[in-house]
C-alpha atoms as a PDB file:
ATOM      1  CA  UNK A   1       3.464  -8.265  26.832  1.00  0.00           C
ATOM      2  CA  UNK A   2       4.139  -4.631  27.795  1.00  0.00           C
ATOM      3  CA  UNK A   3       1.124  -2.495  28.687  1.00  0.00           C
ATOM      4  CA  UNK A   4       1.688  -0.215  25.665  1.00  0.00           C
ATOM      5  CA  UNK A   5       1.810  -3.172  23.263  1.00  0.00           C
ATOM      6  CA  UNK A   6      -1.256  -4.685  24.957  1.00  0.00           C
ATOM      7  CA  UNK A   7      -3.270  -1.469  24.568  1.00  0.00           C
ATOM      8  CA  UNK A   8      -2.208  -1.071  20.950  1.00  0.00           C
ATOM      9  CA  UNK A   9      -3.160  -4.654  20.154  1.00  0.00           C
ATOM     10  CA  UNK A  10      -6.503  -4.330  21.956  1.00  0.00           C
ATOM     11  CA  UNK A  11      -7.333  -1.053  20.223  1.00  0.00           C
ATOM     12  CA  UNK A  12      -6.409  -2.544  16.867  1.00  0.00           C
ATOM     13  CA  UNK A  13      -8.639  -5.566  17.517  1.00  0.00           C
ATOM     14  CA  UNK A  14     -11.537  -3.360  18.660  1.00  0.00           C
ATOM     15  CA  UNK A  15     -11.096  -1.037  15.651  1.00  0.00           C
ATOM     16  CA  UNK A  16     -11.233  -3.972  13.236  1.00  0.00           C
ATOM     17  CA  UNK A  17     -14.485  -5.316  14.653  1.00  0.00           C
ATOM     18  CA  UNK A  18     -16.144  -1.921  14.915  1.00  0.00           C
ATOM     19  CA  UNK A  19     -15.150  -0.830  11.418  1.00  0.00           C
ATOM     20  CA  UNK A  20     -16.251  -4.137   9.922  1.00  0.00           C
ATOM     21  CA  UNK A  21     -19.598  -4.065  11.614  1.00  0.00           C
ATOM     22  CA  UNK A  22     -20.236  -0.368  11.062  1.00  0.00           C
ATOM     23  CA  UNK A  23     -19.820  -0.999   7.373  1.00  0.00           C
ATOM     24  CA  UNK A  24     -22.281  -3.888   7.471  1.00  0.00           C
ATOM     25  CA  UNK A  25     -24.857  -2.332   9.765  1.00  0.00           C
ATOM     26  CA  UNK A  26     -24.652   1.244   8.583  1.00  0.00           C
ATOM     27  CA  UNK A  27     -26.515   2.495  11.628  1.00  0.00           C
ATOM     28  CA  UNK A  28     -24.172   3.049  14.538  1.00  0.00           C
ATOM     29  CA  UNK A  29     -23.823   6.780  13.953  1.00  0.00           C
ATOM     30  CA  UNK A  30     -27.464   7.284  13.116  1.00  0.00           C
ATOM     31  CA  UNK A  31     -30.325   8.034  15.444  1.00  0.00           C
ATOM     32  CA  UNK A  32     -33.611   6.314  16.004  1.00  0.00           C
ATOM     33  CA  UNK A  33     -34.972   7.333  12.599  1.00  0.00           C
ATOM     34  CA  UNK A  34     -31.975   5.822  10.809  1.00  0.00           C
ATOM     35  CA  UNK A  35     -32.360   2.578  12.738  1.00  0.00           C
ATOM     36  CA  UNK A  36     -36.078   2.404  12.047  1.00  0.00           C
ATOM     37  CA  UNK A  37     -35.503   2.895   8.328  1.00  0.00           C
ATOM     38  CA  UNK A  38     -32.768   0.268   8.193  1.00  0.00           C
ATOM     39  CA  UNK A  39     -34.769  -2.189  10.287  1.00  0.00           C
ATOM     40  CA  UNK A  40     -37.790  -1.717   8.085  1.00  0.00           C
ATOM     41  CA  UNK A  41     -35.762  -2.667   5.026  1.00  0.00           C
ATOM     42  CA  UNK A  42     -34.074  -5.716   6.531  1.00  0.00           C
ATOM     43  CA  UNK A  43     -36.326  -7.098   9.224  1.00  0.00           C
ATOM     44  CA  UNK A  44     -39.775  -5.845   8.329  1.00  0.00           C
ATOM     45  CA  UNK A  45     -39.599  -3.255  11.095  1.00  0.00           C
ATOM     46  CA  UNK A  46     -38.423  -5.651  13.793  1.00  0.00           C
ATOM     47  CA  UNK A  47     -34.918  -6.123  15.220  1.00  0.00           C
ATOM     48  CA  UNK A  48     -32.894  -9.253  14.574  1.00  0.00           C
ATOM     49  CA  UNK A  49     -29.763  -9.934  16.616  1.00  0.00           C
ATOM     50  CA  UNK A  50     -29.312 -13.595  15.799  1.00  0.00           C
ATOM     51  CA  UNK A  51     -26.078 -13.787  13.814  1.00  0.00           C
ATOM     52  CA  UNK A  52     -24.761 -17.021  12.300  1.00  0.00           C
ATOM     53  CA  UNK A  53     -27.203 -18.915  14.501  1.00  0.00           C
ATOM     54  CA  UNK A  54     -26.085 -17.244  17.756  1.00  0.00           C
ATOM     55  CA  UNK A  55     -28.686 -15.233  19.645  1.00  0.00           C
ATOM     56  CA  UNK A  56     -27.270 -11.975  20.964  1.00  0.00           C
ATOM     57  CA  UNK A  57     -29.425 -10.606  23.750  1.00  0.00           C
ATOM     58  CA  UNK A  58     -29.204  -7.945  26.421  1.00  0.00           C
ATOM     59  CA  UNK A  59     -30.045  -7.624  30.119  1.00  0.00           C
ATOM     60  CA  UNK A  60     -32.173  -4.767  31.437  1.00  0.00           C
ATOM     61  CA  UNK A  61     -29.226  -3.747  33.648  1.00  0.00           C
ATOM     62  CA  UNK A  62     -27.414  -2.448  30.571  1.00  0.00           C
ATOM     63  CA  UNK A  63     -29.874   0.462  30.480  1.00  0.00           C
ATOM     64  CA  UNK A  64     -29.703   1.281  34.201  1.00  0.00           C
ATOM     65  CA  UNK A  65     -28.596   4.870  33.478  1.00  0.00           C
ATOM     66  CA  UNK A  66     -31.892   5.552  31.680  1.00  0.00           C
ATOM     67  CA  UNK A  67     -35.538   5.649  32.850  1.00  0.00           C
ATOM     68  CA  UNK A  68     -36.667   2.043  33.162  1.00  0.00           C
ATOM     69  CA  UNK A  69     -40.364   1.281  32.682  1.00  0.00           C
ATOM     70  CA  UNK A  70     -41.331  -1.860  30.794  1.00  0.00           C
ATOM     71  CA  UNK A  71     -42.156   0.198  27.704  1.00  0.00           C
ATOM     72  CA  UNK A  72     -38.990   2.292  27.907  1.00  0.00           C
ATOM     73  CA  UNK A  73     -36.787  -0.788  28.237  1.00  0.00           C
ATOM     74  CA  UNK A  74     -38.471  -2.311  25.192  1.00  0.00           C
ATOM     75  CA  UNK A  75     -37.757   0.854  23.202  1.00  0.00           C
ATOM     76  CA  UNK A  76     -34.085   0.743  24.184  1.00  0.00           C
ATOM     77  CA  UNK A  77     -33.841  -2.895  23.136  1.00  0.00           C
ATOM     78  CA  UNK A  78     -35.445  -2.250  19.747  1.00  0.00           C
ATOM     79  CA  UNK A  79     -33.353   0.888  19.206  1.00  0.00           C
ATOM     80  CA  UNK A  80     -30.262  -1.209  19.940  1.00  0.00           C
ATOM     81  CA  UNK A  81     -31.240  -3.672  17.212  1.00  0.00           C
ATOM     82  CA  UNK A  82     -31.666  -6.516  19.690  1.00  0.00           C
ATOM     83  CA  UNK A  83     -34.325  -9.212  19.472  1.00  0.00           C
ATOM     84  CA  UNK A  84     -33.980 -10.999  22.843  1.00  0.00           C
ATOM     85  CA  UNK A  85     -33.684 -10.004  26.491  1.00  0.00           C
ATOM     86  CA  UNK A  86     -33.020 -11.152  30.041  1.00  0.00           C
ATOM     87  CA  UNK A  87     -35.697  -9.017  31.679  1.00  0.00           C
ATOM     88  CA  UNK A  88     -35.182  -7.866  35.254  1.00  0.00           C
ATOM     89  CA  UNK A  89     -38.036  -7.824  37.708  1.00  0.00           C
ATOM     90  CA  UNK A  90     -38.489  -4.288  39.041  1.00  0.00           C
ATOM     91  CA  UNK A  91     -40.180  -2.758  36.005  1.00  0.00           C
ATOM     92  CA  UNK A  92     -42.126  -5.955  35.359  1.00  0.00           C
ATOM     93  CA  UNK A  93     -43.564  -6.029  38.862  1.00  0.00           C
ATOM     94  CA  UNK A  94     -44.304  -2.311  38.817  1.00  0.00           C
ATOM     95  CA  UNK A  95     -46.272  -2.776  35.584  1.00  0.00           C
ATOM     96  CA  UNK A  96     -48.239  -5.612  37.199  1.00  0.00           C
ATOM     97  CA  UNK A  97     -49.159  -3.524  40.240  1.00  0.00           C
ATOM     98  CA  UNK A  98     -46.682  -4.531  42.940  1.00  0.00           C
ATOM     99  CA  UNK A  99     -47.385  -2.567  46.146  1.00  0.00           C
ATOM    100  CA  UNK A 100     -45.172   0.515  46.236  1.00  0.00           C
ATOM    101  CA  UNK A 101     -42.687   0.953  49.033  1.00  0.00           C
ATOM    102  CA  UNK A 102     -43.146   3.924  51.359  1.00  0.00           C
ATOM    103  CA  UNK A 103     -40.717   6.822  51.119  1.00  0.00           C
ATOM    104  CA  UNK A 104     -37.119   6.063  51.924  1.00  0.00           C
ATOM    105  CA  UNK A 105     -36.039   6.243  55.527  1.00  0.00           C
ATOM    106  CA  UNK A 106     -39.089   4.464  56.925  1.00  0.00           C
ATOM    107  CA  UNK A 107     -38.594   2.367  60.035  1.00  0.00           C
ATOM    108  CA  UNK A 108     -38.026  -1.358  60.375  1.00  0.00           C
ATOM    109  CA  UNK A 109     -41.655  -2.114  61.221  1.00  0.00           C
ATOM    110  CA  UNK A 110     -42.778  -0.432  58.005  1.00  0.00           C
ATOM    111  CA  UNK A 111     -40.182  -2.348  55.997  1.00  0.00           C
ATOM    112  CA  UNK A 112     -41.367  -5.617  57.477  1.00  0.00           C
ATOM    113  CA  UNK A 113     -44.988  -4.727  56.767  1.00  0.00           C
ATOM    114  CA  UNK A 114     -44.130  -3.898  53.167  1.00  0.00           C
ATOM    115  CA  UNK A 115     -42.196  -7.165  52.751  1.00  0.00           C
ATOM    116  CA  UNK A 116     -45.235  -9.075  53.981  1.00  0.00           C
ATOM    117  CA  UNK A 117     -47.562  -7.090  51.718  1.00  0.00           C
ATOM    118  CA  UNK A 118     -45.398  -7.841  48.681  1.00  0.00           C
ATOM    119  CA  UNK A 119     -45.222 -11.550  49.549  1.00  0.00           C
ATOM    120  CA  UNK A 120     -49.013 -11.698  49.785  1.00  0.00           C
ATOM    121  CA  UNK A 121     -49.389  -9.821  46.489  1.00  0.00           C
ATOM    122  CA  UNK A 122     -46.984 -12.192  44.749  1.00  0.00           C
ATOM    123  CA  UNK A 123     -48.786 -15.231  46.102  1.00  0.00           C
ATOM    124  CA  UNK A 124     -52.139 -14.089  44.733  1.00  0.00           C
ATOM    125  CA  UNK A 125     -51.583 -11.888  41.687  1.00  0.00           C
ATOM    126  CA  UNK A 126     -53.006 -13.037  38.349  1.00  0.00           C
ATOM    127  CA  UNK A 127     -50.712 -13.560  35.374  1.00  0.00           C
ATOM    128  CA  UNK A 128     -52.651 -11.288  32.996  1.00  0.00           C
ATOM    129  CA  UNK A 129     -50.289  -8.306  33.194  1.00  0.00           C
ATOM    130  CA  UNK A 130     -47.228 -10.490  32.686  1.00  0.00           C
ATOM    131  CA  UNK A 131     -48.814 -12.053  29.624  1.00  0.00           C
ATOM    132  CA  UNK A 132     -49.461  -8.519  28.367  1.00  0.00           C
ATOM    133  CA  UNK A 133     -45.740  -7.812  28.650  1.00  0.00           C
ATOM    134  CA  UNK A 134     -44.878 -10.954  26.686  1.00  0.00           C
ATOM    135  CA  UNK A 135     -47.305  -9.935  23.931  1.00  0.00           C
ATOM    136  CA  UNK A 136     -45.992  -6.359  23.931  1.00  0.00           C
ATOM    137  CA  UNK A 137     -42.406  -7.530  23.507  1.00  0.00           C
ATOM    138  CA  UNK A 138     -43.328 -10.242  21.003  1.00  0.00           C
ATOM    139  CA  UNK A 139     -45.189  -7.720  18.851  1.00  0.00           C
ATOM    140  CA  UNK A 140     -42.031  -5.588  18.740  1.00  0.00           C
ATOM    141  CA  UNK A 141     -39.925  -8.613  17.759  1.00  0.00           C
ATOM    142  CA  UNK A 142     -38.255  -9.167  21.139  1.00  0.00           C
ATOM    143  CA  UNK A 143     -38.208 -12.561  22.876  1.00  0.00           C
ATOM    144  CA  UNK A 144     -37.855 -12.744  26.669  1.00  0.00           C
ATOM    145  CA  UNK A 145     -35.605 -15.743  27.290  1.00  0.00           C
ATOM    146  CA  UNK A 146     -34.777 -15.158  30.964  1.00  0.00           C
ATOM    147  CA  UNK A 147     -36.368 -13.377  33.908  1.00  0.00           C
ATOM    148  CA  UNK A 148     -34.394 -11.969  36.866  1.00  0.00           C
ATOM    149  CA  UNK A 149     -36.742 -11.120  39.762  1.00  0.00           C
ATOM    150  CA  UNK A 150     -35.790 -10.251  43.314  1.00  0.00           C
ATOM    151  CA  UNK A 151     -37.957 -13.090  44.607  1.00  0.00           C
ATOM    152  CA  UNK A 152     -35.679 -16.125  44.611  1.00  0.00           C
ATOM    153  CA  UNK A 153     -33.660 -15.522  47.750  1.00  0.00           C
ATOM    154  CA  UNK A 154     -33.416 -17.600  50.900  1.00  0.00           C
ATOM    155  CA  UNK A 155     -35.694 -15.163  52.739  1.00  0.00           C
ATOM    156  CA  UNK A 156     -38.445 -15.423  50.123  1.00  0.00           C
ATOM    157  CA  UNK A 157     -41.358 -17.764  50.743  1.00  0.00           C
ATOM    158  CA  UNK A 158     -42.004 -20.796  48.581  1.00  0.00           C
ATOM    159  CA  UNK A 159     -45.097 -18.970  47.311  1.00  0.00           C
ATOM    160  CA  UNK A 160     -42.927 -16.059  46.148  1.00  0.00           C
ATOM    161  CA  UNK A 161     -40.479 -18.372  44.417  1.00  0.00           C
ATOM    162  CA  UNK A 162     -43.298 -20.215  42.685  1.00  0.00           C
ATOM    163  CA  UNK A 163     -44.749 -16.843  41.702  1.00  0.00           C
ATOM    164  CA  UNK A 164     -41.420 -15.947  40.035  1.00  0.00           C
ATOM    165  CA  UNK A 165     -41.471 -19.199  38.084  1.00  0.00           C
ATOM    166  CA  UNK A 166     -45.078 -18.688  36.991  1.00  0.00           C
ATOM    167  CA  UNK A 167     -44.214 -15.170  35.855  1.00  0.00           C
ATOM    168  CA  UNK A 168     -41.251 -16.512  33.866  1.00  0.00           C
ATOM    169  CA  UNK A 169     -43.585 -18.884  32.020  1.00  0.00           C
ATOM    170  CA  UNK A 170     -46.111 -16.092  31.411  1.00  0.00           C
ATOM    171  CA  UNK A 171     -43.316 -13.970  29.933  1.00  0.00           C
ATOM    172  CA  UNK A 172     -42.217 -16.830  27.690  1.00  0.00           C
ATOM    173  CA  UNK A 173     -38.883 -17.268  29.464  1.00  0.00           C
ATOM    174  CA  UNK A 174     -37.012 -20.560  29.662  1.00  0.00           C
ATOM    175  CA  UNK A 175     -35.218 -19.671  32.885  1.00  0.00           C
ATOM    176  CA  UNK A 176     -35.010 -17.361  35.845  1.00  0.00           C
ATOM    177  CA  UNK A 177     -31.627 -16.068  36.976  1.00  0.00           C
ATOM    178  CA  UNK A 178     -30.317 -15.597  40.493  1.00  0.00           C
ATOM    179  CA  UNK A 179     -26.996 -15.380  42.306  1.00  0.00           C
ATOM    180  CA  UNK A 180     -25.409 -18.749  43.061  1.00  0.00           C
ATOM    181  CA  UNK A 181     -26.312 -19.482  46.711  1.00  0.00           C
ATOM    182  CA  UNK A 182     -23.653 -20.218  49.272  1.00  0.00           C
ATOM    183  CA  UNK A 183     -26.118 -22.505  51.025  1.00  0.00           C
ATOM    184  CA  UNK A 184     -26.594 -25.753  49.129  1.00  0.00           C
ATOM    185  CA  UNK A 185     -29.969 -26.218  50.817  1.00  0.00           C
ATOM    186  CA  UNK A 186     -31.277 -23.178  48.985  1.00  0.00           C
ATOM    187  CA  UNK A 187     -30.142 -24.291  45.525  1.00  0.00           C
ATOM    188  CA  UNK A 188     -31.749 -27.668  46.268  1.00  0.00           C
ATOM    189  CA  UNK A 189     -34.988 -25.888  47.188  1.00  0.00           C
ATOM    190  CA  UNK A 190     -34.901 -23.772  44.043  1.00  0.00           C
ATOM    191  CA  UNK A 191     -34.105 -26.768  41.860  1.00  0.00           C
ATOM    192  CA  UNK A 192     -37.043 -28.719  43.230  1.00  0.00           C
ATOM    193  CA  UNK A 193     -39.440 -25.831  42.647  1.00  0.00           C
ATOM    194  CA  UNK A 194     -37.960 -25.259  39.190  1.00  0.00           C
ATOM    195  CA  UNK A 195     -38.606 -28.899  38.336  1.00  0.00           C
ATOM    196  CA  UNK A 196     -42.183 -28.580  39.604  1.00  0.00           C
ATOM    197  CA  UNK A 197     -42.848 -25.655  37.252  1.00  0.00           C
ATOM    198  CA  UNK A 198     -40.525 -26.789  34.430  1.00  0.00           C
ATOM    199  CA  UNK A 199     -38.524 -23.562  34.572  1.00  0.00           C
ATOM    200  CA  UNK A 200     -34.724 -23.605  34.780  1.00  0.00           C
ATOM    201  CA  UNK A 201     -32.880 -21.823  37.586  1.00  0.00           C
ATOM    202  CA  UNK A 202     -29.844 -20.130  36.039  1.00  0.00           C
ATOM    203  CA  UNK A 203     -27.214 -19.434  38.682  1.00  0.00           C
ATOM    204  CA  UNK A 204     -24.995 -16.392  38.198  1.00  0.00           C
ATOM    205  CA  UNK A 205     -21.551 -16.063  39.752  1.00  0.00           C
ATOM    206  CA  UNK A 206     -19.176 -13.146  40.105  1.00  0.00           C
ATOM    207  CA  UNK A 207     -15.468 -13.526  40.740  1.00  0.00           C
ATOM    208  CA  UNK A 208     -16.048 -16.564  42.953  1.00  0.00           C
ATOM    209  CA  UNK A 209     -16.560 -18.449  39.686  1.00  0.00           C
ATOM    210  CA  UNK A 210     -14.417 -21.539  39.163  1.00  0.00           C
ATOM    211  CA  UNK A 211     -14.791 -24.603  36.981  1.00  0.00           C
ATOM    212  CA  UNK A 212     -16.433 -26.426  39.878  1.00  0.00           C
ATOM    213  CA  UNK A 213     -18.436 -23.594  41.492  1.00  0.00           C
ATOM    214  CA  UNK A 214     -21.741 -24.834  40.035  1.00  0.00           C
ATOM    215  CA  UNK A 215     -21.187 -28.564  40.544  1.00  0.00           C
ATOM    216  CA  UNK A 216     -23.238 -28.948  43.726  1.00  0.00           C
ATOM    217  CA  UNK A 217     -26.240 -27.085  42.321  1.00  0.00           C
ATOM    218  CA  UNK A 218     -26.088 -28.910  38.985  1.00  0.00           C
ATOM    219  CA  UNK A 219     -26.007 -32.231  40.782  1.00  0.00           C
ATOM    220  CA  UNK A 220     -29.103 -31.407  42.833  1.00  0.00           C
ATOM    221  CA  UNK A 221     -31.602 -31.008  40.008  1.00  0.00           C
ATOM    222  CA  UNK A 222     -31.764 -31.186  36.213  1.00  0.00           C
ATOM    223  CA  UNK A 223     -33.523 -27.799  36.435  1.00  0.00           C
ATOM    224  CA  UNK A 224     -30.550 -26.139  38.095  1.00  0.00           C
ATOM    225  CA  UNK A 225     -28.434 -24.532  35.393  1.00  0.00           C
ATOM    226  CA  UNK A 226     -25.744 -21.926  34.766  1.00  0.00           C
ATOM    227  CA  UNK A 227     -26.042 -18.247  33.928  1.00  0.00           C
ATOM    228  CA  UNK A 228     -22.340 -18.037  33.120  1.00  0.00           C
ATOM    229  CA  UNK A 229     -20.805 -14.556  33.320  1.00  0.00           C
ATOM    230  CA  UNK A 230     -17.741 -14.811  31.110  1.00  0.00           C
ATOM    231  CA  UNK A 231     -16.352 -11.435  32.160  1.00  0.00           C
ATOM    232  CA  UNK A 232     -16.483 -12.198  35.878  1.00  0.00           C
ATOM    233  CA  UNK A 233     -14.944 -15.622  35.282  1.00  0.00           C
ATOM    234  CA  UNK A 234     -11.957 -14.078  33.500  1.00  0.00           C
ATOM    235  CA  UNK A 235     -11.595 -11.230  36.004  1.00  0.00           C
ATOM    236  CA  UNK A 236     -11.288 -13.761  38.839  1.00  0.00           C
ATOM    237  CA  UNK A 237      -7.840 -14.757  37.551  1.00  0.00           C
ATOM    238  CA  UNK A 238      -6.023 -17.575  39.315  1.00  0.00           C
ATOM    239  CA  UNK A 239      -6.661 -20.784  37.417  1.00  0.00           C
ATOM    240  CA  UNK A 240      -9.294 -19.082  35.254  1.00  0.00           C
ATOM    241  CA  UNK A 241      -8.130 -18.121  31.774  1.00  0.00           C
ATOM    242  CA  UNK A 242      -9.273 -18.130  28.153  1.00  0.00           C
ATOM    243  CA  UNK A 243      -8.562 -21.827  27.638  1.00  0.00           C
ATOM    244  CA  UNK A 244     -10.326 -22.954  30.819  1.00  0.00           C
ATOM    245  CA  UNK A 245     -13.342 -20.745  30.055  1.00  0.00           C
ATOM    246  CA  UNK A 246     -13.785 -22.191  26.582  1.00  0.00           C
ATOM    247  CA  UNK A 247     -13.321 -25.693  27.996  1.00  0.00           C
ATOM    248  CA  UNK A 248     -15.934 -25.006  30.684  1.00  0.00           C
ATOM    249  CA  UNK A 249     -18.457 -23.851  28.086  1.00  0.00           C
ATOM    250  CA  UNK A 250     -17.799 -26.936  25.987  1.00  0.00           C
ATOM    251  CA  UNK A 251     -18.082 -29.274  28.973  1.00  0.00           C
ATOM    252  CA  UNK A 252     -21.215 -27.679  30.463  1.00  0.00           C
ATOM    253  CA  UNK A 253     -22.956 -26.373  27.338  1.00  0.00           C
ATOM    254  CA  UNK A 254     -26.033 -28.509  27.956  1.00  0.00           C
ATOM    255  CA  UNK A 255     -26.374 -27.012  31.466  1.00  0.00           C
ATOM    256  CA  UNK A 256     -25.869 -23.349  30.504  1.00  0.00           C
ATOM    257  CA  UNK A 257     -29.219 -21.666  29.901  1.00  0.00           C
ATOM    258  CA  UNK A 258     -27.722 -18.218  29.262  1.00  0.00           C
ATOM    259  CA  UNK A 259     -24.474 -16.331  29.619  1.00  0.00           C
ATOM    260  CA  UNK A 260     -23.396 -12.754  30.227  1.00  0.00           C
ATOM    261  CA  UNK A 261     -20.857 -11.177  27.922  1.00  0.00           C
ATOM    262  CA  UNK A 262     -18.719  -8.282  29.111  1.00  0.00           C
ATOM    263  CA  UNK A 263     -15.050  -7.400  28.681  1.00  0.00           C
ATOM    264  CA  UNK A 264     -13.008  -7.284  31.882  1.00  0.00           C
ATOM    265  CA  UNK A 265      -9.332  -7.211  32.633  1.00  0.00           C
ATOM    266  CA  UNK A 266      -7.889 -10.021  34.694  1.00  0.00           C
ATOM    267  CA  UNK A 267      -7.565  -9.465  38.438  1.00  0.00           C
ATOM    268  CA  UNK A 268      -3.832  -8.803  38.434  1.00  0.00           C
ATOM    269  CA  UNK A 269      -4.336  -6.148  35.719  1.00  0.00           C
ATOM    270  CA  UNK A 270      -7.005  -4.356  37.756  1.00  0.00           C
ATOM    271  CA  UNK A 271     -10.143  -6.309  36.864  1.00  0.00           C
ATOM    272  CA  UNK A 272     -11.842  -3.273  35.328  1.00  0.00           C
ATOM    273  CA  UNK A 273     -14.801  -3.418  32.982  1.00  0.00           C
ATOM    274  CA  UNK A 274     -13.623  -2.278  29.568  1.00  0.00           C
ATOM    275  CA  UNK A 275     -15.148  -1.406  26.176  1.00  0.00           C
ATOM    276  CA  UNK A 276     -15.387  -4.590  24.149  1.00  0.00           C
ATOM    277  CA  UNK A 277     -12.042  -5.521  22.627  1.00  0.00           C
ATOM    278  CA  UNK A 278      -9.961  -3.724  25.267  1.00  0.00           C
ATOM    279  CA  UNK A 279     -10.151  -6.265  28.102  1.00  0.00           C
ATOM    280  CA  UNK A 280      -9.153  -9.897  28.554  1.00  0.00           C
ATOM    281  CA  UNK A 281     -12.482 -11.668  27.982  1.00  0.00           C
ATOM    282  CA  UNK A 282     -12.131 -13.753  24.789  1.00  0.00           C
ATOM    283  CA  UNK A 283     -15.425 -12.513  23.346  1.00  0.00           C
ATOM    284  CA  UNK A 284     -14.717 -13.459  19.736  1.00  0.00           C
ATOM    285  CA  UNK A 285     -13.576 -16.952  20.735  1.00  0.00           C
ATOM    286  CA  UNK A 286     -16.650 -17.464  22.934  1.00  0.00           C
ATOM    287  CA  UNK A 287     -19.044 -16.441  20.181  1.00  0.00           C
ATOM    288  CA  UNK A 288     -17.159 -18.498  17.603  1.00  0.00           C
ATOM    289  CA  UNK A 289     -17.450 -21.563  19.856  1.00  0.00           C
ATOM    290  CA  UNK A 290     -21.223 -21.045  20.127  1.00  0.00           C
ATOM    291  CA  UNK A 291     -21.443 -20.703  16.359  1.00  0.00           C
ATOM    292  CA  UNK A 292     -19.246 -23.648  15.418  1.00  0.00           C
ATOM    293  CA  UNK A 293     -20.742 -26.051  17.969  1.00  0.00           C
ATOM    294  CA  UNK A 294     -24.280 -24.745  17.404  1.00  0.00           C
ATOM    295  CA  UNK A 295     -24.804 -24.314  21.143  1.00  0.00           C
ATOM    296  CA  UNK A 296     -28.216 -22.739  21.684  1.00  0.00           C
ATOM    297  CA  UNK A 297     -27.075 -20.449  24.485  1.00  0.00           C
ATOM    298  CA  UNK A 298     -28.185 -16.798  24.408  1.00  0.00           C
ATOM    299  CA  UNK A 299     -25.191 -14.464  24.704  1.00  0.00           C
ATOM    300  CA  UNK A 300     -26.352 -11.557  26.834  1.00  0.00           C
ATOM    301  CA  UNK A 301     -24.758  -8.135  26.481  1.00  0.00           C
ATOM    302  CA  UNK A 302     -24.216  -6.704  29.954  1.00  0.00           C
ATOM    303  CA  UNK A 303     -23.005  -3.152  29.504  1.00  0.00           C
ATOM    304  CA  UNK A 304     -20.844  -2.448  32.548  1.00  0.00           C
ATOM    305  CA  UNK A 305     -18.058  -0.194  31.316  1.00  0.00           C
ATOM    306  CA  UNK A 306     -18.440   3.560  31.817  1.00  0.00           C
ATOM    307  CA  UNK A 307     -20.509   5.210  29.103  1.00  0.00           C
ATOM    308  CA  UNK A 308     -18.249   7.756  27.361  1.00  0.00           C
ATOM    309  CA  UNK A 309     -19.117  11.446  27.347  1.00  0.00           C
ATOM    310  CA  UNK A 310     -21.455  12.260  24.478  1.00  0.00           C
ATOM    311  CA  UNK A 311     -22.780   8.713  24.262  1.00  0.00           C
ATOM    312  CA  UNK A 312     -25.529   6.802  26.094  1.00  0.00           C
ATOM    313  CA  UNK A 313     -26.379   3.255  27.049  1.00  0.00           C
ATOM    314  CA  UNK A 314     -28.312   2.558  23.849  1.00  0.00           C
ATOM    315  CA  UNK A 315     -25.467   3.766  21.623  1.00  0.00           C
ATOM    316  CA  UNK A 316     -22.923   1.723  23.561  1.00  0.00           C
ATOM    317  CA  UNK A 317     -25.137  -1.362  23.447  1.00  0.00           C
ATOM    318  CA  UNK A 318     -25.291  -0.930  19.672  1.00  0.00           C
ATOM    319  CA  UNK A 319     -21.480  -0.864  19.641  1.00  0.00           C
ATOM    320  CA  UNK A 320     -21.492  -4.206  21.467  1.00  0.00           C
ATOM    321  CA  UNK A 321     -24.022  -5.629  18.987  1.00  0.00           C
ATOM    322  CA  UNK A 322     -21.773  -4.495  16.150  1.00  0.00           C
ATOM    323  CA  UNK A 323     -18.757  -6.147  17.735  1.00  0.00           C
ATOM    324  CA  UNK A 324     -20.660  -9.411  18.186  1.00  0.00           C
ATOM    325  CA  UNK A 325     -21.951  -9.368  14.618  1.00  0.00           C
ATOM    326  CA  UNK A 326     -18.486  -8.757  13.211  1.00  0.00           C
ATOM    327  CA  UNK A 327     -17.036 -11.540  15.357  1.00  0.00           C
ATOM    328  CA  UNK A 328     -19.680 -14.004  14.169  1.00  0.00           C
ATOM    329  CA  UNK A 329     -19.796 -13.019  10.519  1.00  0.00           C
ATOM    330  CA  UNK A 330     -16.180 -12.061   9.982  1.00  0.00           C
END
């Protein structure tokens, strides 16, 4: 297909979904007050982004261009009309009192001292503040289904990893998410600790994703699982395509604890992140598969394309919600 025909087709597809969902939601061009009024009428003041049985969520990273305290992130999620989140660790740990790092540019000895201080804090901190976060989000109608802390790496102590898993449970999350390790010994270690705490370890991959990339980790523990990024999988190109992605989801659905949804072009077309409907990720087909097969896998909006002038991350996240709703209810 020529590039001009491809763009025209993509824009037409995107326009259809946006127009359909704008008509049904009636809130994309409104501000916070309009959303609050609409939400009050439909959801009793709380957001609801489960459409046709498919839970649409969002990751904190989508709002990285905005101030990011625990309370601010919650407001963005509610303003986006979303009722579930993969919550990243920085704001969570700050809220709970994690020792602050010294000003940037400090020397190696200070960095090492801070790393040790944080490890000791994580090993001993109570769960009260994390339970407060869960209650705060629950009261607003937002469920935390996954937790992504920077405490699950090979250089973290077992105590830090177990801390991350205890925090996940305190937040109400089913899984933690982390990059897929290159070292099989580390995924084995994480799987064993996940099994101990009954918390799944969801492994995320970028463009190294293949149909077999997770096989070693999945074979090591029933608590090792997939945090499948559909956009990265497609962008990798090679043997990865729409058909293989849908087949992978179908084959591994019982081992996928969450997935990331973004629209990317394939590698040989540049691999760029695109507004939904303008890339090569088969978003509608993915969501339709979840709906038709009743797979209970949260579909996480990860806003990675450039926010257009005059817009912001919340408005663009709402556009993605609208696209997902139209795809599932169309």
